[in-house]
Amino acid sequence: MVYERPNFMGYQYFLRRGEYPDYQRWMGYNDYIRSCRMIPQYRGSYRMRIYERENFGGQMMEFMDDCESVQDRFSYPDIHSCHVEGYWVMYEQPHYRGRQYFLRPGEYRRYSDWGGMNPRIGSFRRITDFC
């Protein structure tokens, strides 16, 4: 994961092994990186339970695979809390576009816990390749 600001803050981007001749190739909003970290290998199951309200309230839906469009699969346009097993990346827009949020295994009681500016999530996917 690379971050636009020091101490793993600001916009974050998941980069797979490869070449990125310019920041637009990784869907960057600007052309600088101030911190980065490796994602450790994960050997457990991948599961995410998303909730329509904070503190795990309201309707819940469980996912064990990638979701290209949250709106198409979850009847609520916003995700306010979630419980995560495995490593995942959430995207603000459908089809894995827009601002990204890296989620480690654990509980996220409100969208600000994963660094979200708002609860709008359009898609998400598992991080399963660690080369």
N, C-alpha and C. Protein backbone atom coordinates (compact mmCIF):
# COMPACT_ATOMS: atom_id res chain seq x y z
N MET A 1 0.85 -1.17 0.00
CA MET A 1 0.00 0.00 0.00
C MET A 1 0.89 1.23 0.00
N VAL A 2 0.53 2.21 -0.81
CA VAL A 2 1.24 3.49 -0.80
C VAL A 2 0.26 4.58 -0.39
N TYR A 3 0.80 5.61 0.26
CA TYR A 3 -0.02 6.68 0.84
C TYR A 3 0.53 8.03 0.39
N GLU A 4 -0.35 8.99 0.21
CA GLU A 4 0.07 10.30 -0.26
C GLU A 4 0.72 11.14 0.83
N ARG A 5 0.51 10.80 2.10
CA ARG A 5 1.07 11.59 3.20
C ARG A 5 1.91 10.72 4.12
N PRO A 6 2.80 11.31 4.91
CA PRO A 6 3.60 10.53 5.86
C PRO A 6 2.71 9.82 6.89
N ASN A 7 3.27 8.80 7.53
CA ASN A 7 2.59 8.05 8.59
C ASN A 7 1.31 7.37 8.11
N PHE A 8 1.29 6.93 6.85
CA PHE A 8 0.19 6.15 6.29
C PHE A 8 -1.13 6.91 6.33
N MET A 9 -1.08 8.16 5.97
CA MET A 9 -2.27 9.02 5.97
C MET A 9 -2.56 9.49 4.54
N GLY A 10 -3.75 10.06 4.37
CA GLY A 10 -4.15 10.60 3.07
C GLY A 10 -4.65 9.53 2.13
N TYR A 11 -4.71 9.87 0.86
CA TYR A 11 -5.15 8.90 -0.14
C TYR A 11 -4.25 7.69 -0.09
N GLN A 12 -4.85 6.51 -0.29
CA GLN A 12 -4.10 5.26 -0.25
C GLN A 12 -4.39 4.46 -1.51
N TYR A 13 -3.37 3.72 -1.95
CA TYR A 13 -3.48 2.98 -3.20
C TYR A 13 -2.87 1.60 -3.04
N PHE A 14 -3.58 0.60 -3.50
CA PHE A 14 -3.06 -0.76 -3.53
C PHE A 14 -2.38 -0.97 -4.87
N LEU A 15 -1.07 -1.25 -4.84
CA LEU A 15 -0.32 -1.47 -6.06
C LEU A 15 0.16 -2.92 -6.13
N ARG A 16 -0.15 -3.55 -7.22
CA ARG A 16 0.39 -4.89 -7.49
C ARG A 16 1.77 -4.72 -8.12
N ARG A 17 2.53 -5.81 -8.13
CA ARG A 17 3.85 -5.77 -8.75
C ARG A 17 3.70 -5.32 -10.20
N GLY A 18 4.56 -4.42 -10.62
CA GLY A 18 4.52 -3.94 -11.99
C GLY A 18 5.13 -2.56 -12.12
N GLU A 19 5.00 -2.00 -13.29
CA GLU A 19 5.53 -0.67 -13.57
C GLU A 19 4.38 0.31 -13.69
N TYR A 20 4.60 1.50 -13.16
CA TYR A 20 3.60 2.56 -13.17
C TYR A 20 4.29 3.83 -13.68
N PRO A 21 4.26 4.06 -14.99
CA PRO A 21 4.98 5.21 -15.55
C PRO A 21 4.45 6.57 -15.09
N ASP A 22 3.21 6.62 -14.65
CA ASP A 22 2.67 7.85 -14.09
C ASP A 22 1.58 7.52 -13.07
N TYR A 23 1.25 8.48 -12.23
CA TYR A 23 0.31 8.27 -11.13
C TYR A 23 -1.10 7.91 -11.59
N GLN A 24 -1.46 8.26 -12.79
CA GLN A 24 -2.81 7.94 -13.27
C GLN A 24 -2.98 6.45 -13.50
N ARG A 25 -1.88 5.72 -13.69
CA ARG A 25 -1.95 4.27 -13.89
C ARG A 25 -2.39 3.54 -12.63
N TRP A 26 -2.16 4.13 -11.45
CA TRP A 26 -2.63 3.52 -10.21
C TRP A 26 -3.87 4.26 -9.69
N MET A 27 -4.51 5.04 -10.57
CA MET A 27 -5.71 5.82 -10.26
C MET A 27 -5.42 6.88 -9.21
N GLY A 28 -4.21 7.43 -9.22
CA GLY A 28 -3.80 8.43 -8.26
C GLY A 28 -4.45 9.79 -8.50
N TYR A 29 -4.61 10.52 -7.40
CA TYR A 29 -5.15 11.87 -7.47
C TYR A 29 -4.03 12.91 -7.59
N ASN A 30 -2.79 12.51 -7.31
CA ASN A 30 -1.65 13.40 -7.43
C ASN A 30 -0.41 12.54 -7.70
N ASP A 31 0.72 13.18 -7.87
CA ASP A 31 1.91 12.46 -8.31
C ASP A 31 2.96 12.23 -7.21
N TYR A 32 2.56 12.18 -5.96
CA TYR A 32 3.55 11.94 -4.92
C TYR A 32 3.10 10.88 -3.91
N ILE A 33 4.12 10.23 -3.35
CA ILE A 33 3.93 9.19 -2.33
C ILE A 33 4.85 9.56 -1.16
N ARG A 34 4.30 9.55 0.07
CA ARG A 34 5.09 9.94 1.23
C ARG A 34 5.33 8.78 2.21
N SER A 35 4.58 7.68 2.08
CA SER A 35 4.81 6.51 2.93
C SER A 35 4.25 5.28 2.23
N CYS A 36 4.73 4.11 2.66
CA CYS A 36 4.24 2.86 2.09
C CYS A 36 4.44 1.74 3.10
N ARG A 37 3.71 0.65 2.89
CA ARG A 37 3.85 -0.53 3.74
C ARG A 37 3.50 -1.78 2.95
N MET A 38 4.17 -2.86 3.33
CA MET A 38 3.88 -4.16 2.73
C MET A 38 2.64 -4.74 3.43
N ILE A 39 1.86 -5.47 2.68
CA ILE A 39 0.71 -6.17 3.26
C ILE A 39 1.17 -7.58 3.59
N PRO A 40 1.07 -7.98 4.87
CA PRO A 40 1.54 -9.32 5.22
C PRO A 40 0.69 -10.42 4.60
N GLN A 41 1.29 -11.59 4.47
CA GLN A 41 0.58 -12.76 3.95
C GLN A 41 -0.59 -13.09 4.87
N TYR A 42 -1.71 -13.49 4.31
CA TYR A 42 -2.88 -13.87 5.10
C TYR A 42 -3.27 -15.29 4.74
N ARG A 43 -3.48 -16.14 5.74
CA ARG A 43 -3.76 -17.54 5.48
C ARG A 43 -5.13 -17.99 6.02
N GLY A 44 -6.01 -17.09 6.32
CA GLY A 44 -7.31 -17.47 6.84
C GLY A 44 -8.40 -17.33 5.79
N SER A 45 -9.64 -17.33 6.26
CA SER A 45 -10.77 -17.16 5.35
C SER A 45 -11.01 -15.67 5.10
N TYR A 46 -11.63 -15.38 3.98
CA TYR A 46 -11.99 -14.02 3.62
C TYR A 46 -13.49 -13.87 3.79
N ARG A 47 -13.88 -12.91 4.63
CA ARG A 47 -15.29 -12.70 4.90
C ARG A 47 -15.46 -11.24 5.34
N MET A 48 -16.51 -10.61 4.84
CA MET A 48 -16.83 -9.26 5.26
C MET A 48 -18.33 -9.16 5.49
N ARG A 49 -18.70 -8.69 6.67
CA ARG A 49 -20.10 -8.40 6.98
C ARG A 49 -20.26 -6.90 6.99
N ILE A 50 -21.13 -6.39 6.13
CA ILE A 50 -21.37 -4.95 6.04
C ILE A 50 -22.73 -4.62 6.63
N TYR A 51 -22.83 -3.42 7.21
CA TYR A 51 -24.04 -2.99 7.90
C TYR A 51 -24.48 -1.62 7.41
N GLU A 52 -25.78 -1.42 7.44
CA GLU A 52 -26.33 -0.15 6.95
C GLU A 52 -26.20 0.97 7.98
N ARG A 53 -25.90 0.64 9.24
CA ARG A 53 -25.76 1.66 10.29
C ARG A 53 -24.45 1.45 11.05
N GLU A 54 -24.00 2.47 11.75
CA GLU A 54 -22.79 2.32 12.54
C GLU A 54 -23.03 1.39 13.73
N ASN A 55 -21.94 0.94 14.33
CA ASN A 55 -21.98 -0.01 15.45
C ASN A 55 -22.74 -1.29 15.10
N PHE A 56 -22.62 -1.72 13.86
CA PHE A 56 -23.17 -2.99 13.38
C PHE A 56 -24.69 -3.05 13.49
N GLY A 57 -25.33 -1.93 13.25
CA GLY A 57 -26.79 -1.86 13.33
C GLY A 57 -27.46 -1.97 11.97
N GLY A 58 -28.75 -2.25 11.99
CA GLY A 58 -29.54 -2.31 10.77
C GLY A 58 -29.31 -3.58 9.97
N GLN A 59 -29.63 -3.49 8.69
CA GLN A 59 -29.49 -4.65 7.80
C GLN A 59 -28.02 -5.03 7.65
N MET A 60 -27.77 -6.34 7.55
CA MET A 60 -26.42 -6.86 7.38
C MET A 60 -26.39 -7.78 6.17
N MET A 61 -25.26 -7.78 5.49
CA MET A 61 -25.05 -8.71 4.39
C MET A 61 -23.62 -9.21 4.48
N GLU A 62 -23.42 -10.50 4.22
CA GLU A 62 -22.10 -11.10 4.32
C GLU A 62 -21.55 -11.41 2.93
N PHE A 63 -20.27 -11.13 2.73
CA PHE A 63 -19.59 -11.38 1.46
C PHE A 63 -18.35 -12.22 1.72
N MET A 64 -18.08 -13.13 0.80
CA MET A 64 -16.86 -13.93 0.87
C MET A 64 -16.06 -13.80 -0.43
N ASP A 65 -16.56 -12.95 -1.32
CA ASP A 65 -15.88 -12.73 -2.58
C ASP A 65 -15.96 -11.26 -2.95
N ASP A 66 -15.34 -10.88 -4.04
CA ASP A 66 -15.30 -9.49 -4.48
C ASP A 66 -16.70 -9.01 -4.86
N CYS A 67 -16.90 -7.71 -4.77
CA CYS A 67 -18.19 -7.12 -5.12
C CYS A 67 -17.94 -5.91 -6.03
N GLU A 68 -18.31 -6.06 -7.29
CA GLU A 68 -18.06 -5.01 -8.28
C GLU A 68 -19.01 -3.82 -8.14
N SER A 69 -20.20 -4.07 -7.56
CA SER A 69 -21.17 -2.99 -7.37
C SER A 69 -21.97 -3.25 -6.10
N VAL A 70 -21.68 -2.50 -5.07
CA VAL A 70 -22.40 -2.64 -3.79
C VAL A 70 -23.88 -2.32 -4.00
N GLN A 71 -24.18 -1.32 -4.79
CA GLN A 71 -25.56 -0.91 -5.02
C GLN A 71 -26.39 -2.06 -5.61
N ASP A 72 -25.79 -2.85 -6.48
CA ASP A 72 -26.51 -3.96 -7.11
C ASP A 72 -26.76 -5.12 -6.15
N ARG A 73 -25.88 -5.30 -5.15
CA ARG A 73 -25.99 -6.48 -4.27
C ARG A 73 -26.51 -6.17 -2.88
N PHE A 74 -26.34 -4.95 -2.40
CA PHE A 74 -26.76 -4.56 -1.06
C PHE A 74 -27.77 -3.44 -1.26
N SER A 75 -28.94 -3.55 -0.69
CA SER A 75 -30.02 -2.62 -1.01
C SER A 75 -29.82 -1.20 -0.47
N TYR A 76 -28.74 -0.98 0.27
CA TYR A 76 -28.48 0.35 0.82
C TYR A 76 -27.21 0.91 0.18
N PRO A 77 -27.23 2.19 -0.19
CA PRO A 77 -26.09 2.76 -0.92
C PRO A 77 -24.87 3.04 -0.04
N ASP A 78 -25.02 3.01 1.27
CA ASP A 78 -23.93 3.35 2.16
C ASP A 78 -23.59 2.19 3.09
N ILE A 79 -22.32 2.10 3.45
CA ILE A 79 -21.86 1.12 4.43
C ILE A 79 -21.35 1.92 5.63
N HIS A 80 -21.99 1.75 6.77
CA HIS A 80 -21.60 2.52 7.95
C HIS A 80 -20.69 1.76 8.91
N SER A 81 -20.69 0.43 8.84
CA SER A 81 -19.81 -0.37 9.70
C SER A 81 -19.60 -1.73 9.05
N CYS A 82 -18.54 -2.41 9.48
CA CYS A 82 -18.28 -3.73 8.92
C CYS A 82 -17.35 -4.53 9.83
N HIS A 83 -17.42 -5.83 9.67
CA HIS A 83 -16.52 -6.76 10.34
C HIS A 83 -15.77 -7.48 9.23
N VAL A 84 -14.42 -7.53 9.35
CA VAL A 84 -13.58 -7.99 8.26
C VAL A 84 -12.67 -9.14 8.69
N GLU A 85 -12.62 -10.17 7.86
CA GLU A 85 -11.64 -11.25 7.98
C GLU A 85 -10.87 -11.25 6.67
N GLY A 86 -9.56 -11.20 6.74
CA GLY A 86 -8.73 -11.11 5.55
C GLY A 86 -8.42 -9.65 5.24
N TYR A 87 -7.69 -9.43 4.16
CA TYR A 87 -7.36 -8.07 3.72
C TYR A 87 -8.23 -7.71 2.53
N TRP A 88 -8.82 -6.52 2.58
CA TRP A 88 -9.73 -6.04 1.54
C TRP A 88 -9.39 -4.60 1.17
N VAL A 89 -9.80 -4.21 -0.03
CA VAL A 89 -9.74 -2.81 -0.45
C VAL A 89 -11.16 -2.40 -0.83
N MET A 90 -11.63 -1.31 -0.22
CA MET A 90 -12.93 -0.72 -0.59
C MET A 90 -12.66 0.45 -1.53
N TYR A 91 -13.59 0.65 -2.45
CA TYR A 91 -13.50 1.75 -3.42
C TYR A 91 -14.76 2.59 -3.32
N GLU A 92 -14.63 3.90 -3.48
CA GLU A 92 -15.79 4.78 -3.38
C GLU A 92 -16.78 4.58 -4.52
N GLN A 93 -16.33 4.11 -5.66
CA GLN A 93 -17.19 3.96 -6.82
C GLN A 93 -17.30 2.49 -7.24
N PRO A 94 -18.35 2.15 -7.97
CA PRO A 94 -18.45 0.79 -8.51
C PRO A 94 -17.30 0.49 -9.47
N HIS A 95 -17.11 -0.80 -9.76
CA HIS A 95 -16.12 -1.27 -10.72
C HIS A 95 -14.69 -0.93 -10.31
N TYR A 96 -14.46 -0.89 -8.98
CA TYR A 96 -13.12 -0.72 -8.41
C TYR A 96 -12.46 0.58 -8.85
N ARG A 97 -13.19 1.66 -8.73
CA ARG A 97 -12.69 2.98 -9.13
C ARG A 97 -12.85 3.94 -7.95
N GLY A 98 -12.13 5.03 -8.04
CA GLY A 98 -12.24 6.08 -7.03
C GLY A 98 -11.33 5.85 -5.83
N ARG A 99 -11.54 6.64 -4.82
CA ARG A 99 -10.71 6.60 -3.61
C ARG A 99 -10.73 5.20 -3.01
N GLN A 100 -9.58 4.75 -2.51
CA GLN A 100 -9.43 3.40 -1.98
C GLN A 100 -9.22 3.43 -0.47
N TYR A 101 -9.68 2.36 0.19
CA TYR A 101 -9.50 2.19 1.64
C TYR A 101 -9.03 0.77 1.91
N PHE A 102 -7.89 0.63 2.56
CA PHE A 102 -7.33 -0.66 2.92
C PHE A 102 -7.90 -1.10 4.26
N LEU A 103 -8.50 -2.30 4.31
CA LEU A 103 -9.06 -2.82 5.55
C LEU A 103 -8.31 -4.08 5.96
N ARG A 104 -7.84 -4.09 7.20
CA ARG A 104 -7.20 -5.25 7.81
C ARG A 104 -8.27 -6.04 8.55
N PRO A 105 -7.95 -7.25 8.97
CA PRO A 105 -8.92 -8.01 9.78
C PRO A 105 -9.28 -7.22 11.06
N GLY A 106 -10.57 -7.17 11.35
CA GLY A 106 -11.01 -6.47 12.56
C GLY A 106 -12.40 -5.90 12.41
N GLU A 107 -12.76 -5.07 13.39
CA GLU A 107 -14.08 -4.43 13.42
C GLU A 107 -13.93 -2.95 13.12
N TYR A 108 -14.84 -2.44 12.31
CA TYR A 108 -14.89 -1.03 11.95
C TYR A 108 -16.28 -0.54 12.33
N ARG A 109 -16.41 0.15 13.43
CA ARG A 109 -17.71 0.55 13.98
C ARG A 109 -18.35 1.71 13.23
N ARG A 110 -17.55 2.47 12.51
CA ARG A 110 -18.07 3.58 11.71
C ARG A 110 -17.11 3.80 10.53
N TYR A 111 -17.59 4.42 9.49
CA TYR A 111 -16.79 4.58 8.28
C TYR A 111 -15.50 5.35 8.52
N SER A 112 -15.47 6.24 9.49
CA SER A 112 -14.24 6.98 9.77
C SER A 112 -13.14 6.05 10.30
N ASP A 113 -13.50 4.88 10.85
CA ASP A 113 -12.50 3.93 11.35
C ASP A 113 -11.62 3.38 10.22
N TRP A 114 -12.13 3.31 9.00
CA TRP A 114 -11.30 2.86 7.87
C TRP A 114 -10.77 4.05 7.06
N GLY A 115 -10.98 5.26 7.58
CA GLY A 115 -10.45 6.46 6.92
C GLY A 115 -11.41 7.10 5.95
N GLY A 116 -12.66 6.64 5.93
CA GLY A 116 -13.64 7.17 5.00
C GLY A 116 -14.07 8.60 5.34
N MET A 117 -14.28 9.39 4.29
CA MET A 117 -14.80 10.75 4.45
C MET A 117 -16.32 10.73 4.53
N ASN A 118 -16.91 9.64 4.00
CA ASN A 118 -18.35 9.44 4.05
C ASN A 118 -18.60 7.94 3.93
N PRO A 119 -19.83 7.48 4.15
CA PRO A 119 -20.08 6.03 4.12
C PRO A 119 -20.29 5.44 2.73
N ARG A 120 -20.16 6.23 1.69
CA ARG A 120 -20.43 5.76 0.33
C ARG A 120 -19.32 4.82 -0.15
N ILE A 121 -19.66 3.57 -0.42
CA ILE A 121 -18.73 2.58 -0.95
C ILE A 121 -19.40 1.96 -2.18
N GLY A 122 -18.69 1.98 -3.30
CA GLY A 122 -19.25 1.46 -4.54
C GLY A 122 -18.85 0.03 -4.87
N SER A 123 -17.69 -0.41 -4.37
CA SER A 123 -17.20 -1.76 -4.65
C SER A 123 -16.11 -2.12 -3.65
N PHE A 124 -15.79 -3.40 -3.59
CA PHE A 124 -14.67 -3.85 -2.77
C PHE A 124 -14.17 -5.19 -3.28
N ARG A 125 -12.90 -5.49 -2.96
CA ARG A 125 -12.29 -6.74 -3.39
C ARG A 125 -11.27 -7.22 -2.36
N ARG A 126 -11.07 -8.54 -2.38
CA ARG A 126 -10.09 -9.19 -1.50
C ARG A 126 -8.69 -8.96 -2.04
N ILE A 127 -7.73 -8.87 -1.15
CA ILE A 127 -6.33 -8.84 -1.56
C ILE A 127 -5.81 -10.25 -1.34
N THR A 128 -5.64 -10.98 -2.42
CA THR A 128 -5.24 -12.38 -2.32
C THR A 128 -3.89 -12.66 -2.95
N ASP A 129 -3.37 -11.73 -3.75
CA ASP A 129 -2.07 -11.96 -4.38
C ASP A 129 -1.02 -11.12 -3.67
N PHE A 130 0.02 -11.78 -3.20
CA PHE A 130 1.04 -11.14 -2.39
C PHE A 130 2.42 -11.28 -3.04
N CYS A 131 2.54 -10.99 -4.34
CA CYS A 131 3.86 -11.14 -4.94
C CYS A 131 4.64 -9.85 -4.84
